[in-house]
Amino acid sequence: MANDLYFEDFTEGRTFQSAARRIDERTVQAFSEVSGDYNRIHLDEGYARTSPFGGRIAHGLLSLSAATGLLHDLDILRESVVAFTGITWKFKAPVLIGDSISLTLKSS
């Protein structure tokens, strides 16, 4: 693809910003079913209201998975990357049902 980038194309500090994606009820439910993670913090509003988050939150790995989709949508690695061999990820805040997330990719 014409937009694909390779290792040598990622100069230090180069940044890419994705569009936003909303994490909705249907997405959280589907991720529970695919992953088998039925933790009440994700699915039971009454229980989740008593948590430190004050309501239901999306699975952390759902957020990471959505980020890989946002990366794909940037159209810079579709053909140039065959597989991830490692990833660095920091969970900075919970993703609530209805939140929108985006990806900022910065090479270092």
Protein backbone atom coordinates (compact mmCIF):
# COMPACT_ATOMS: atom_id res chain seq x y z
CA MET A 1 0.00 0.00 0.00
CA ALA A 2 1.14 3.50 -0.73
CA ASN A 3 0.52 4.69 2.84
CA ASP A 4 2.43 1.88 4.57
CA LEU A 5 5.37 2.84 6.71
CA TYR A 6 8.36 0.72 7.68
CA PHE A 7 10.75 0.81 10.63
CA GLU A 8 13.06 3.36 9.01
CA ASP A 9 10.13 5.69 8.37
CA PHE A 10 9.49 6.20 12.09
CA THR A 11 11.75 9.07 13.09
CA GLU A 12 11.90 10.00 16.75
CA GLY A 13 8.94 12.08 17.84
CA ARG A 14 6.80 11.37 14.78
CA THR A 15 3.18 11.36 15.93
CA PHE A 16 -0.02 9.98 14.46
CA GLN A 17 -3.53 10.67 15.76
CA SER A 18 -6.51 8.44 15.07
CA ALA A 19 -10.17 9.28 14.84
CA ALA A 20 -12.29 8.58 17.92
CA ARG A 21 -14.33 5.46 18.61
CA ARG A 22 -17.22 5.29 21.09
CA ILE A 23 -17.23 2.34 23.49
CA ASP A 24 -20.89 1.47 23.91
CA GLU A 25 -22.99 -1.10 25.74
CA ARG A 26 -23.06 -3.50 22.80
CA THR A 27 -19.27 -3.45 22.46
CA VAL A 28 -18.72 -4.22 26.16
CA GLN A 29 -21.24 -7.04 26.08
CA ALA A 30 -19.68 -8.54 22.94
CA PHE A 31 -16.20 -8.35 24.44
CA SER A 32 -17.44 -10.15 27.56
CA GLU A 33 -18.78 -12.93 25.38
CA VAL A 34 -15.63 -13.22 23.26
CA SER A 35 -13.19 -13.04 26.17
CA GLY A 36 -15.24 -14.91 28.75
CA ASP A 37 -14.64 -12.05 31.21
CA TYR A 38 -17.98 -11.49 32.90
CA ASN A 39 -16.68 -9.43 35.82
CA ARG A 40 -19.54 -7.48 37.40
CA ILE A 41 -17.62 -4.19 37.14
CA HIS A 42 -18.26 -4.39 33.39
CA LEU A 43 -21.81 -5.74 33.32
CA ASP A 44 -23.71 -4.97 36.56
CA GLU A 45 -24.54 -1.28 36.96
CA GLY A 46 -25.81 -1.67 40.53
CA TYR A 47 -22.61 -3.35 41.63
CA ALA A 48 -20.41 -0.97 39.65
CA ARG A 49 -22.02 2.10 41.25
CA THR A 50 -20.57 0.93 44.58
CA SER A 51 -17.06 0.68 43.12
CA PRO A 52 -14.41 3.42 43.17
CA PHE A 53 -15.31 4.09 39.51
CA GLY A 54 -18.94 4.98 40.32
CA GLY A 55 -20.29 2.96 37.40
CA ARG A 56 -19.53 0.33 34.84
CA ILE A 57 -16.21 0.40 33.02
CA ALA A 58 -15.01 -1.24 29.84
CA HIS A 59 -12.50 -4.06 30.04
CA GLY A 60 -8.93 -2.79 29.91
CA LEU A 61 -8.11 -5.26 27.17
CA LEU A 62 -11.16 -4.10 25.23
CA SER A 63 -9.59 -0.64 25.16
CA LEU A 64 -6.30 -2.11 23.98
CA SER A 65 -8.08 -4.17 21.32
CA ALA A 66 -10.00 -1.11 20.11
CA ALA A 67 -6.69 0.76 19.92
CA THR A 68 -5.30 -1.85 17.54
CA GLY A 69 -8.34 -1.27 15.32
CA LEU A 70 -7.74 2.48 15.45
CA LEU A 71 -4.11 1.82 14.49
CA HIS A 72 -5.28 -0.21 11.51
CA ASP A 73 -7.57 2.67 10.48
CA LEU A 74 -4.57 5.04 10.37
CA ASP A 75 -3.63 3.11 7.21
CA ILE A 76 0.11 3.22 7.90
CA LEU A 77 0.81 -0.41 8.82
CA ARG A 78 -1.71 -2.53 6.91
CA GLU A 79 0.82 -4.40 4.78
CA SER A 80 4.15 -3.48 6.39
CA VAL A 81 3.52 -5.17 9.76
CA VAL A 82 2.91 -8.90 9.87
CA ALA A 83 2.63 -9.34 13.65
CA PHE A 84 3.21 -7.49 16.89
CA THR A 85 6.20 -8.80 18.82
CA GLY A 86 5.67 -6.51 21.78
CA ILE A 87 3.64 -3.58 22.93
CA THR A 88 3.92 -0.98 25.67
CA TRP A 89 0.61 0.08 27.18
CA LYS A 90 -0.27 2.17 30.21
CA PHE A 91 -3.75 2.28 31.69
CA LYS A 92 -4.17 5.91 32.74
CA ALA A 93 -7.89 6.03 33.49
CA PRO A 94 -10.95 3.81 33.22
CA VAL A 95 -13.02 3.85 30.06
CA LEU A 96 -16.67 4.29 30.97
CA ILE A 97 -19.58 3.02 28.91
CA GLY A 98 -20.26 5.77 26.38
CA ASP A 99 -16.72 7.19 26.40
CA SER A 100 -14.92 7.81 23.15
CA ILE A 101 -11.30 6.80 22.83
CA SER A 102 -8.63 7.65 20.29
CA LEU A 103 -5.07 6.55 19.67
CA THR A 104 -1.98 8.73 19.71
CA LEU A 105 1.01 6.86 18.29
CA LYS A 106 4.39 8.46 18.94
CA SER A 107 7.66 6.91 17.81
CA SER A 108 10.61 7.05 20.16
